[in-house]
Amino acid sequence: MPPSHHTDDYGHLLADLKTAIRQARLRATLAANAELLHLYW
């Protein structure tokens, strides 16, 4: 396998990982906001 193939795989893996982290952070933020609304409402 040429080295560029590994670089492409790593690039896709990194992009997928960043997307997963972004989505998890958004879910955590939304859950925290919902709990705060229940607490103060």
Protein backbone atom coordinates (compact mmCIF):
# COMPACT_ATOMS: atom_id res chain seq x y z
CA MET A 1 0.00 0.00 0.00
CA PRO A 2 1.34 3.43 -0.80
CA PRO A 3 1.77 5.82 2.13
CA SER A 4 -0.91 8.15 0.74
CA HIS A 5 -3.51 5.40 1.29
CA HIS A 6 -2.74 5.43 5.01
CA THR A 7 -2.94 9.21 5.05
CA ASP A 8 -6.38 9.09 3.40
CA ASP A 9 -7.59 6.51 5.93
CA TYR A 10 -6.23 8.62 8.79
CA GLY A 11 -7.87 11.73 7.37
CA HIS A 12 -11.24 9.99 7.17
CA LEU A 13 -10.84 8.55 10.65
CA LEU A 14 -9.93 11.96 12.04
CA ALA A 15 -12.88 13.63 10.31
CA ASP A 16 -15.27 10.95 11.60
CA LEU A 17 -13.86 11.31 15.10
CA LYS A 18 -14.24 15.09 15.03
CA THR A 19 -17.84 14.72 13.86
CA ALA A 20 -18.61 12.23 16.62
CA ILE A 21 -17.08 14.52 19.26
CA ARG A 22 -19.01 17.53 17.93
CA GLN A 23 -22.29 15.59 18.03
CA ALA A 24 -21.60 14.28 21.54
CA ARG A 25 -20.80 17.78 22.78
CA LEU A 26 -24.03 19.09 21.26
CA ARG A 27 -26.08 16.29 22.87
CA ALA A 28 -24.44 17.00 26.24
CA THR A 29 -25.13 20.73 25.93
CA LEU A 30 -28.76 20.15 25.01
CA ALA A 31 -29.22 17.71 27.89
CA ALA A 32 -27.66 20.15 30.36
CA ASN A 33 -29.86 22.98 29.11
CA ALA A 34 -32.98 20.84 29.44
CA GLU A 35 -32.05 19.92 33.01
CA LEU A 36 -31.42 23.57 33.91
CA LEU A 37 -34.79 24.53 32.49
CA HIS A 38 -36.47 21.84 34.61
CA LEU A 39 -34.54 22.99 37.68
CA TYR A 40 -35.38 26.69 37.38
CA TRP A 41 -38.82 26.47 35.75
